[in-house]
Amino acid sequence: MKKIATIFCLLASGVVSAQKLEKIISVEEVTKTEAYLSSDAMEGRRVYTPAIDRAADFIAARFKEAGLQPLKGGDYFQPFAMLHVEPDQVQVTVGSISIPADSVAVLTSLENLTLGPSDSVQVIALDKDHTVTQVVNNFRRGSATNVLVLLDSLGISRLARYRRALGDHFTGPHSLVMIPWYGASPGAFSIHIHSTITQKPLKNVVGVLPGTSRPNEYVIFSAHYDHLGIGKPDAKGDSIYNGANDDASGTTAVLMLAKYFSARHDNARTLVFVAFTAEEIGEYGSQYFATQWNPDQVVAMFNIEMIGTTSKWGTHSAYITGFERSDFGKILQKNLEGTGFTFYPDPYPTQNLFYRSDNASLARVGVPAHTISTSKMDNEPYYHKQGDEISTLDMENMTQIIQSIALSSVGIISGTDTPTRVPSI
């Protein structure tokens, strides 16, 4: 706790003393919030369930208590809808070959989809330069044309999984169709697919603290509040995926930071605090959120993901994904000099974590958007398991991480520091 006391002493006092900071971001308050979000009563916070609505209501209430403003008036919810697609009439022919309906996967927002050689269609044959995930993610980020994917033998073996994955989405006017195909690119093709499409509502939770002198420059603090819900019981009979670390810990951090910065109320730049939904099924909450902002006005994004366990370096540490892609991490570390806390570069580069969390949606358009985490991705025993409960977390260390994020961000929110941009993709 001596190192935590050092952090308090080094914090710019503003209108909030170090003593009051300790009271706002305290082990007791952090534990209380974490315990509620990861409790059995939240039933694992799965999307499309009453439980996740209860979590959203709790987050919104905390934003209101902190004195944050709703994003665009009204309440603190940012609603959007996913499209659930159920193809019920499928006729696909390539040359003289008819493709079986159960071998066709489709991503579309059209009830009646008709495509032929005269239409604008990009044909992609999966080879060493393409993977299904890359193709689908590129399409979802905005495609200028329809896409026909020709699956190789590996892709065909995973077709059932792809069909499930494409079931819920939101997309523009173009469609993506997958079919099995060997050999050379096909000649003439004909696609007629009728689907029943229903809307499935979701919502992010957003609160805003307007800037004092640079209100049109935004700094985002985010985490996702959804998890996996209720599943098959494990050996202990536990069926609830509580998601204490993933990502009630990050959501707790966002709530604590919102309360702290609102109490200071000396931020030059506007602060946006957001709890994303639907991260676990495809980062859809952050994808929608990203479409609502001019990325040139977003100065930085602190995305917080799984900070409840100690990092591979132990306490007083965390890592930042994409550390080398901007000077965001260097700025944060500069503001932590003398505290004994260290932000390290991501130690798991082969896992591509920079594009596996909600920061990716804004990073892709150039925002210095990075994820802060401690999760040992090569050895996290409760990741996506029923055992991810508050009893497995180090609450004192988690509290220190949240305090360190507050300290490290001071230069950015005051307008003193501006991180370099991430190359857009």
Protein backbone atom coordinates (compact mmCIF):
# COMPACT_ATOMS: atom_id res chain seq x y z
CA MET A 1 0.00 0.00 0.00
CA LYS A 2 3.04 2.32 0.31
CA LYS A 3 3.30 2.53 -3.47
CA ILE A 4 -0.38 3.46 -3.68
CA ALA A 5 0.25 6.26 -1.18
CA THR A 6 3.07 7.49 -3.42
CA ILE A 7 0.67 7.69 -6.34
CA PHE A 8 -1.74 9.81 -4.27
CA CYS A 9 1.04 12.24 -3.38
CA LEU A 10 2.12 12.66 -6.99
CA LEU A 11 -1.36 13.28 -8.39
CA ALA A 12 -2.16 16.81 -9.48
CA SER A 13 -4.49 17.96 -6.76
CA GLY A 14 -6.93 20.04 -8.85
CA VAL A 15 -10.05 20.45 -6.77
CA VAL A 16 -9.70 16.99 -5.33
CA SER A 17 -7.08 16.23 -2.70
CA ALA A 18 -5.13 12.99 -2.63
CA GLN A 19 -7.16 12.08 0.42
CA LYS A 20 -10.42 12.44 -1.51
CA LEU A 21 -8.98 10.46 -4.44
CA GLU A 22 -8.26 7.62 -2.06
CA LYS A 23 -11.86 7.77 -0.86
CA ILE A 24 -13.31 7.76 -4.40
CA ILE A 25 -11.12 5.03 -5.89
CA SER A 26 -10.80 2.86 -2.81
CA VAL A 27 -10.52 -0.87 -2.42
CA GLU A 28 -13.88 -0.84 -0.64
CA GLU A 29 -15.70 1.03 -3.42
CA VAL A 30 -14.02 -0.94 -6.19
CA THR A 31 -14.89 -4.22 -4.49
CA LYS A 32 -18.50 -3.20 -3.94
CA THR A 33 -19.00 -2.32 -7.60
CA GLU A 34 -17.15 -5.38 -8.89
CA ALA A 35 -19.13 -7.67 -6.57
CA TYR A 36 -22.45 -6.39 -7.89
CA LEU A 37 -21.57 -6.61 -11.58
CA SER A 38 -20.16 -10.14 -11.25
CA SER A 39 -22.78 -11.48 -8.85
CA ASP A 40 -24.97 -14.48 -9.62
CA ALA A 41 -27.90 -12.05 -9.78
CA MET A 42 -26.42 -10.65 -13.01
CA GLU A 43 -26.59 -14.18 -14.52
CA GLY A 44 -23.46 -13.64 -16.61
CA ARG A 45 -24.76 -10.51 -18.39
CA ARG A 46 -25.44 -12.24 -21.71
CA VAL A 47 -26.77 -10.13 -24.58
CA TYR A 48 -30.51 -10.22 -25.27
CA THR A 49 -31.36 -11.19 -21.68
CA PRO A 50 -33.11 -9.32 -18.83
CA ALA A 51 -29.89 -9.73 -16.83
CA ILE A 52 -27.84 -7.53 -19.13
CA ASP A 53 -30.59 -4.91 -18.98
CA ARG A 54 -30.23 -4.91 -15.19
CA ALA A 55 -26.50 -4.37 -15.57
CA ALA A 56 -27.12 -1.51 -18.01
CA ASP A 57 -29.56 0.12 -15.58
CA PHE A 58 -26.97 -0.13 -12.80
CA ILE A 59 -24.25 1.48 -14.95
CA ALA A 60 -26.59 4.27 -16.08
CA ALA A 61 -27.57 4.98 -12.47
CA ARG A 62 -23.91 5.26 -11.50
CA PHE A 63 -23.24 7.66 -14.37
CA LYS A 64 -26.15 9.79 -13.20
CA GLU A 65 -24.91 9.75 -9.60
CA ALA A 66 -21.50 10.90 -10.82
CA GLY A 67 -23.10 13.89 -12.55
CA LEU A 68 -22.33 12.85 -16.10
CA GLN A 69 -24.51 14.06 -18.96
CA PRO A 70 -26.30 11.68 -21.34
CA LEU A 71 -24.75 11.49 -24.79
CA LYS A 72 -27.53 13.25 -26.68
CA GLY A 73 -30.07 14.18 -24.07
CA GLY A 74 -32.64 11.81 -22.63
CA ASP A 75 -31.16 8.76 -20.90
CA TYR A 76 -27.69 7.22 -20.88
CA PHE A 77 -28.45 4.47 -23.37
CA GLN A 78 -27.15 4.35 -26.94
CA PRO A 79 -29.57 1.92 -28.62
CA PHE A 80 -28.98 0.04 -31.84
CA ALA A 81 -30.22 -3.20 -33.34
CA MET A 82 -28.62 -6.32 -34.69
CA LEU A 83 -30.20 -8.10 -37.61
CA HIS A 84 -30.94 -11.79 -37.14
CA VAL A 85 -30.99 -13.55 -40.51
CA GLU A 86 -32.74 -16.88 -41.11
CA PRO A 87 -32.48 -17.96 -44.78
CA ASP A 88 -35.57 -19.98 -45.66
CA GLN A 89 -35.37 -20.21 -49.47
CA VAL A 90 -31.95 -20.74 -51.03
CA GLN A 91 -31.20 -21.28 -54.71
CA VAL A 92 -27.55 -20.96 -55.69
CA THR A 93 -26.12 -22.31 -58.93
CA VAL A 94 -22.60 -22.02 -60.31
CA GLY A 95 -22.46 -22.93 -63.97
CA SER A 96 -24.54 -26.11 -64.13
CA ILE A 97 -23.92 -27.05 -60.48
CA SER A 98 -26.57 -26.46 -57.84
CA ILE A 99 -25.17 -25.73 -54.36
CA PRO A 100 -27.13 -27.41 -51.52
CA ALA A 101 -28.97 -24.92 -49.31
CA ASP A 102 -27.26 -26.21 -46.16
CA SER A 103 -23.86 -25.45 -47.74
CA VAL A 104 -24.61 -21.74 -48.18
CA ALA A 105 -23.90 -19.07 -45.56
CA VAL A 106 -25.15 -15.52 -45.99
CA LEU A 107 -24.70 -12.12 -44.38
CA THR A 108 -27.31 -9.70 -45.65
CA SER A 109 -29.86 -7.11 -44.63
CA LEU A 110 -32.10 -7.90 -47.61
CA GLU A 111 -35.11 -10.18 -47.35
CA ASN A 112 -34.78 -10.94 -51.05
CA LEU A 113 -31.22 -11.20 -52.31
CA THR A 114 -30.59 -11.75 -56.01
CA LEU A 115 -27.11 -11.67 -57.52
CA GLY A 116 -25.74 -12.66 -60.92
CA PRO A 117 -22.73 -12.05 -63.16
CA SER A 118 -24.04 -8.63 -64.21
CA ASP A 119 -24.08 -7.39 -60.62
CA SER A 120 -21.14 -5.86 -58.81
CA VAL A 121 -19.70 -8.86 -56.95
CA GLN A 122 -16.18 -9.42 -55.65
CA VAL A 123 -15.27 -13.10 -55.86
CA ILE A 124 -12.75 -14.24 -53.24
CA ALA A 125 -11.26 -17.72 -53.31
CA LEU A 126 -9.78 -18.55 -49.93
CA ASP A 127 -6.08 -19.32 -50.22
CA LYS A 128 -2.94 -18.61 -48.22
CA ASP A 129 -3.61 -14.88 -48.45
CA HIS A 130 -7.14 -14.95 -47.10
CA THR A 131 -8.94 -16.30 -44.09
CA VAL A 132 -12.66 -16.33 -43.46
CA THR A 133 -12.31 -14.12 -40.38
CA GLN A 134 -10.37 -11.47 -42.28
CA VAL A 135 -12.81 -11.45 -45.16
CA VAL A 136 -15.87 -11.21 -42.92
CA ASN A 137 -14.35 -8.52 -40.69
CA ASN A 138 -13.32 -6.45 -43.70
CA PHE A 139 -16.84 -6.76 -45.09
CA ARG A 140 -18.44 -5.76 -41.80
CA ARG A 141 -16.31 -2.64 -41.58
CA GLY A 142 -17.95 -1.41 -44.76
CA SER A 143 -17.88 -2.98 -48.19
CA ALA A 144 -18.29 -1.10 -51.45
CA THR A 145 -19.62 -4.19 -53.20
CA ASN A 146 -21.23 -7.59 -52.71
CA VAL A 147 -18.87 -10.46 -51.93
CA LEU A 148 -18.96 -14.13 -52.98
CA VAL A 149 -16.58 -16.28 -50.91
CA LEU A 150 -15.42 -19.60 -52.34
CA LEU A 151 -14.52 -21.87 -49.43
CA ASP A 152 -11.60 -24.28 -49.64
CA SER A 153 -11.59 -27.64 -47.86
CA LEU A 154 -10.77 -26.13 -44.46
CA GLY A 155 -13.46 -23.52 -44.86
CA ILE A 156 -16.02 -26.16 -45.83
CA SER A 157 -15.24 -28.13 -42.68
CA ARG A 158 -16.11 -25.05 -40.63
CA LEU A 159 -19.16 -23.99 -42.61
CA ALA A 160 -21.66 -24.78 -39.84
CA ARG A 161 -19.77 -22.48 -37.49
CA TYR A 162 -19.68 -19.73 -40.09
CA ARG A 163 -23.42 -20.01 -40.62
CA ARG A 164 -24.00 -19.46 -36.90
CA ALA A 165 -21.51 -16.58 -36.73
CA LEU A 166 -23.20 -14.72 -39.59
CA GLY A 167 -26.63 -15.02 -38.01
CA ASP A 168 -26.54 -11.75 -36.02
CA HIS A 169 -25.02 -8.65 -37.53
CA PHE A 170 -25.63 -5.18 -38.78
CA THR A 171 -24.59 -4.29 -42.27
CA GLY A 172 -25.16 -1.88 -45.12
CA PRO A 173 -26.74 -2.41 -48.51
CA HIS A 174 -24.33 -5.11 -49.67
CA SER A 175 -24.34 -8.83 -49.00
CA LEU A 176 -21.80 -11.59 -48.45
CA VAL A 177 -22.42 -15.18 -49.56
CA MET A 178 -20.22 -18.22 -48.84
CA ILE A 179 -20.29 -21.43 -50.87
CA PRO A 180 -18.01 -24.46 -51.15
CA TRP A 181 -15.92 -24.49 -54.30
CA TYR A 182 -12.79 -26.25 -55.48
CA GLY A 183 -10.50 -25.44 -58.36
CA ALA A 184 -10.67 -22.46 -60.70
CA SER A 185 -12.89 -19.46 -60.19
CA PRO A 186 -16.45 -20.09 -61.30
CA GLY A 187 -17.99 -18.72 -64.42
CA ALA A 188 -21.66 -17.75 -64.44
CA PHE A 189 -23.48 -17.92 -61.14
CA SER A 190 -26.99 -17.24 -59.90
CA ILE A 191 -27.93 -16.45 -56.30
CA HIS A 192 -31.52 -16.19 -55.03
CA ILE A 193 -31.92 -16.17 -51.25
CA HIS A 194 -35.01 -15.23 -49.27
CA SER A 195 -34.45 -14.63 -45.55
CA THR A 196 -36.59 -13.80 -42.57
CA ILE A 197 -34.88 -10.86 -40.88
CA THR A 198 -35.70 -9.68 -37.38
CA GLN A 199 -34.23 -6.86 -35.33
CA LYS A 200 -32.67 -7.64 -31.95
CA PRO A 201 -32.18 -4.53 -29.78
CA LEU A 202 -28.96 -3.81 -27.88
CA LYS A 203 -27.56 -0.77 -26.09
CA ASN A 204 -24.30 0.76 -25.02
CA VAL A 205 -24.30 2.90 -21.87
CA VAL A 206 -22.66 6.32 -22.30
CA GLY A 207 -22.01 9.26 -20.00
CA VAL A 208 -20.25 12.54 -20.86
CA LEU A 209 -18.24 15.04 -18.84
CA PRO A 210 -17.91 18.19 -20.99
CA GLY A 211 -14.48 19.75 -21.34
CA THR A 212 -13.77 23.16 -19.84
CA SER A 213 -11.68 24.66 -22.66
CA ARG A 214 -11.51 22.04 -25.43
CA PRO A 215 -15.04 20.62 -25.50
CA ASN A 216 -14.78 19.37 -29.10
CA GLU A 217 -11.79 17.16 -28.36
CA TYR A 218 -12.75 13.80 -26.86
CA VAL A 219 -11.03 11.29 -24.61
CA ILE A 220 -12.82 7.95 -24.20
CA PHE A 221 -12.69 5.56 -21.25
CA SER A 222 -14.35 2.26 -22.09
CA ALA A 223 -14.96 -1.39 -21.22
CA HIS A 224 -17.51 -4.00 -22.22
CA TYR A 225 -20.19 -5.04 -19.75
CA ASP A 226 -21.53 -8.14 -21.50
CA HIS A 227 -20.34 -11.68 -20.88
CA LEU A 228 -21.36 -15.27 -21.66
CA GLY A 229 -24.44 -15.78 -19.49
CA ILE A 230 -25.59 -19.18 -18.31
CA GLY A 231 -24.35 -22.42 -19.84
CA LYS A 232 -23.81 -26.08 -19.15
CA PRO A 233 -22.85 -26.74 -15.49
CA ASP A 234 -19.20 -27.46 -14.79
CA ALA A 235 -17.87 -30.22 -12.53
CA LYS A 236 -18.88 -28.18 -9.49
CA GLY A 237 -22.41 -27.65 -10.78
CA ASP A 238 -21.82 -23.99 -11.55
CA SER A 239 -23.61 -22.84 -14.70
CA ILE A 240 -23.10 -19.06 -14.44
CA TYR A 241 -20.26 -17.39 -16.32
CA ASN A 242 -19.93 -14.45 -13.94
CA GLY A 243 -17.26 -12.65 -15.96
CA ALA A 244 -15.68 -10.99 -12.93
CA ASN A 245 -12.40 -10.37 -14.70
CA ASP A 246 -13.92 -10.38 -18.21
CA ASP A 247 -14.98 -7.64 -18.09
CA ALA A 248 -16.74 -6.57 -14.91
CA SER A 249 -13.26 -5.46 -13.82
CA GLY A 250 -12.96 -3.03 -16.74
CA THR A 251 -16.52 -1.80 -16.30
CA THR A 252 -15.83 -1.18 -12.61
CA ALA A 253 -12.77 0.83 -13.60
CA VAL A 254 -14.82 3.01 -15.97
CA LEU A 255 -17.36 3.72 -13.21
CA MET A 256 -14.63 4.61 -10.72
CA LEU A 257 -12.87 6.88 -13.20
CA ALA A 258 -16.15 8.59 -14.09
CA LYS A 259 -16.78 9.35 -10.43
CA TYR A 260 -13.24 10.58 -9.87
CA PHE A 261 -12.96 12.87 -12.89
CA SER A 262 -16.45 14.23 -12.31
CA ALA A 263 -15.38 15.18 -8.78
CA ARG A 264 -12.28 16.92 -10.15
CA HIS A 265 -14.26 18.59 -12.94
CA ASP A 266 -11.15 20.26 -14.35
CA ASN A 267 -10.80 18.32 -17.61
CA ALA A 268 -9.99 20.56 -20.56
CA ARG A 269 -11.09 17.92 -23.06
CA THR A 270 -14.50 16.27 -23.02
CA LEU A 271 -14.45 12.85 -21.37
CA VAL A 272 -16.72 10.09 -22.65
CA PHE A 273 -17.32 7.05 -20.44
CA VAL A 274 -18.86 4.07 -22.21
CA ALA A 275 -19.80 0.51 -21.33
CA PHE A 276 -20.05 -1.49 -24.54
CA THR A 277 -22.43 -4.36 -25.18
CA ALA A 278 -21.95 -7.35 -27.52
CA GLU A 279 -18.15 -7.54 -27.33
CA GLU A 280 -18.30 -11.26 -26.71
CA ILE A 281 -20.25 -11.92 -29.92
CA GLY A 282 -18.21 -9.71 -32.23
CA GLU A 283 -17.44 -6.26 -30.72
CA TYR A 284 -20.69 -4.94 -32.15
CA GLY A 285 -21.28 -2.32 -29.46
CA SER A 286 -17.97 -0.60 -30.11
CA GLN A 287 -18.41 -0.96 -33.88
CA TYR A 288 -21.70 0.92 -33.69
CA PHE A 289 -20.28 3.49 -31.26
CA ALA A 290 -17.38 4.21 -33.63
CA THR A 291 -19.78 5.17 -36.44
CA GLN A 292 -21.24 7.97 -34.30
CA TRP A 293 -18.01 9.98 -33.97
CA ASN A 294 -15.70 12.01 -36.14
CA PRO A 295 -12.47 10.11 -35.46
CA ASP A 296 -10.41 13.27 -36.01
CA GLN A 297 -11.96 14.71 -32.85
CA VAL A 298 -11.18 11.68 -30.69
CA VAL A 299 -7.79 12.32 -29.10
CA ALA A 300 -7.38 8.99 -27.29
CA MET A 301 -9.23 5.92 -26.08
CA PHE A 302 -8.45 4.07 -22.85
CA ASN A 303 -10.12 0.68 -23.25
CA ILE A 304 -9.90 -1.42 -20.09
CA GLU A 305 -10.13 -5.19 -20.38
CA MET A 306 -9.48 -7.78 -17.67
CA ILE A 307 -7.45 -6.02 -14.95
CA GLY A 308 -8.56 -8.17 -12.00
CA THR A 309 -5.63 -10.59 -11.95
CA THR A 310 -1.95 -9.73 -11.67
CA SER A 311 0.09 -9.46 -14.85
CA LYS A 312 3.03 -11.68 -15.76
CA TRP A 313 5.28 -9.11 -14.02
CA GLY A 314 3.26 -9.23 -10.79
CA THR A 315 1.68 -6.28 -9.00
CA HIS A 316 2.27 -2.60 -9.85
CA SER A 317 2.07 -3.36 -13.57
CA ALA A 318 -0.18 -3.74 -16.60
CA TYR A 319 0.34 -3.85 -20.36
CA ILE A 320 -0.93 -1.80 -23.27
CA THR A 321 -1.88 -3.43 -26.57
CA GLY A 322 -0.44 -1.84 -29.69
CA PHE A 323 2.17 -0.03 -27.59
CA GLU A 324 4.38 0.50 -30.64
CA ARG A 325 1.61 1.90 -32.84
CA SER A 326 1.50 5.34 -31.18
CA ASP A 327 3.17 7.17 -28.29
CA PHE A 328 0.07 6.69 -26.10
CA GLY A 329 1.92 4.24 -23.85
CA LYS A 330 4.99 6.45 -23.54
CA ILE A 331 2.81 9.36 -22.44
CA LEU A 332 1.10 7.24 -19.80
CA GLN A 333 4.40 5.93 -18.49
CA LYS A 334 5.89 9.43 -18.36
CA ASN A 335 3.06 10.50 -16.06
CA LEU A 336 3.76 7.51 -13.79
CA GLU A 337 7.41 8.27 -13.14
CA GLY A 338 8.25 7.77 -9.48
CA THR A 339 5.13 5.80 -8.62
CA GLY A 340 6.60 2.34 -8.97
CA PHE A 341 3.88 1.41 -11.49
CA THR A 342 4.86 0.31 -15.00
CA PHE A 343 2.90 0.02 -18.24
CA TYR A 344 4.60 -2.58 -20.44
CA PRO A 345 4.12 -3.34 -24.14
CA ASP A 346 1.79 -6.26 -24.90
CA PRO A 347 3.77 -9.46 -24.18
CA TYR A 348 1.52 -11.62 -26.38
CA PRO A 349 2.05 -10.19 -29.89
CA THR A 350 1.17 -13.44 -31.68
CA GLN A 351 -2.36 -13.29 -30.23
CA ASN A 352 -3.16 -10.02 -32.04
CA LEU A 353 -4.83 -8.55 -28.93
CA PHE A 354 -4.80 -5.04 -30.38
CA TYR A 355 -7.58 -6.04 -32.75
CA ARG A 356 -9.41 -8.40 -30.38
CA SER A 357 -11.01 -5.86 -28.06
CA ASP A 358 -13.23 -2.81 -28.35
CA ASN A 359 -10.37 -0.39 -28.96
CA ALA A 360 -10.06 -1.86 -32.47
CA SER A 361 -13.18 -0.17 -33.80
CA LEU A 362 -11.65 3.29 -33.34
CA ALA A 363 -8.02 2.26 -33.90
CA ARG A 364 -8.94 1.16 -37.43
CA VAL A 365 -9.83 4.76 -38.29
CA GLY A 366 -6.67 6.27 -36.82
CA VAL A 367 -7.56 6.96 -33.20
CA PRO A 368 -4.81 6.17 -30.66
CA ALA A 369 -7.12 3.65 -29.07
CA HIS A 370 -5.43 1.05 -26.88
CA THR A 371 -6.46 -1.62 -24.39
CA ILE A 372 -5.01 -1.75 -20.88
CA SER A 373 -4.95 -5.25 -19.39
CA THR A 374 -3.17 -7.58 -16.98
CA SER A 375 -4.62 -10.82 -18.30
CA LYS A 376 -2.05 -13.58 -18.74
CA MET A 377 -3.33 -14.79 -22.07
CA ASP A 378 -1.05 -17.82 -22.03
CA ASN A 379 -2.10 -18.86 -18.52
CA GLU A 380 -5.40 -17.40 -17.30
CA PRO A 381 -7.17 -20.42 -15.77
CA TYR A 382 -10.66 -18.89 -15.52
CA TYR A 383 -10.82 -17.11 -18.87
CA HIS A 384 -14.29 -17.79 -20.36
CA LYS A 385 -15.03 -20.29 -17.59
CA GLN A 386 -17.57 -20.44 -14.79
CA GLY A 387 -14.77 -19.91 -12.27
CA ASP A 388 -14.23 -16.28 -13.34
CA GLU A 389 -15.58 -14.94 -10.02
CA ILE A 390 -14.59 -12.11 -7.70
CA SER A 391 -12.93 -14.56 -5.31
CA THR A 392 -10.20 -15.12 -7.93
CA LEU A 393 -9.33 -11.41 -8.27
CA ASP A 394 -6.73 -9.28 -6.48
CA MET A 395 -8.85 -6.31 -5.47
CA GLU A 396 -6.02 -4.24 -3.99
CA ASN A 397 -3.98 -4.58 -7.16
CA MET A 398 -7.02 -3.85 -9.32
CA THR A 399 -7.66 -0.70 -7.31
CA GLN A 400 -4.08 0.42 -7.82
CA ILE A 401 -4.37 -0.13 -11.57
CA ILE A 402 -7.45 2.10 -11.72
CA GLN A 403 -5.66 4.78 -9.71
CA SER A 404 -2.67 4.50 -12.05
CA ILE A 405 -4.88 4.92 -15.11
CA ALA A 406 -6.27 8.09 -13.53
CA LEU A 407 -2.77 9.42 -12.91
CA SER A 408 -1.39 8.41 -16.29
CA SER A 409 -4.22 10.11 -18.19
CA VAL A 410 -3.87 13.56 -16.61
CA GLY A 411 -1.74 15.02 -19.41
CA ILE A 412 -4.12 13.81 -22.11
CA ILE A 413 -7.32 15.02 -20.49
CA SER A 414 -5.77 18.39 -19.59
CA GLY A 415 -4.68 19.00 -23.17
CA THR A 416 -0.98 18.95 -22.33
CA ASP A 417 -0.38 15.65 -24.15
CA THR A 418 -1.77 14.52 -27.52
CA PRO A 419 -0.88 10.98 -28.64
CA THR A 420 0.23 10.35 -32.20
CA ARG A 421 -2.34 8.75 -34.48
CA VAL A 422 -2.52 5.03 -35.23
CA PRO A 423 -2.14 4.23 -38.95
CA SER A 424 -5.63 3.64 -40.36
CA ILE A 425 -6.40 0.31 -42.02
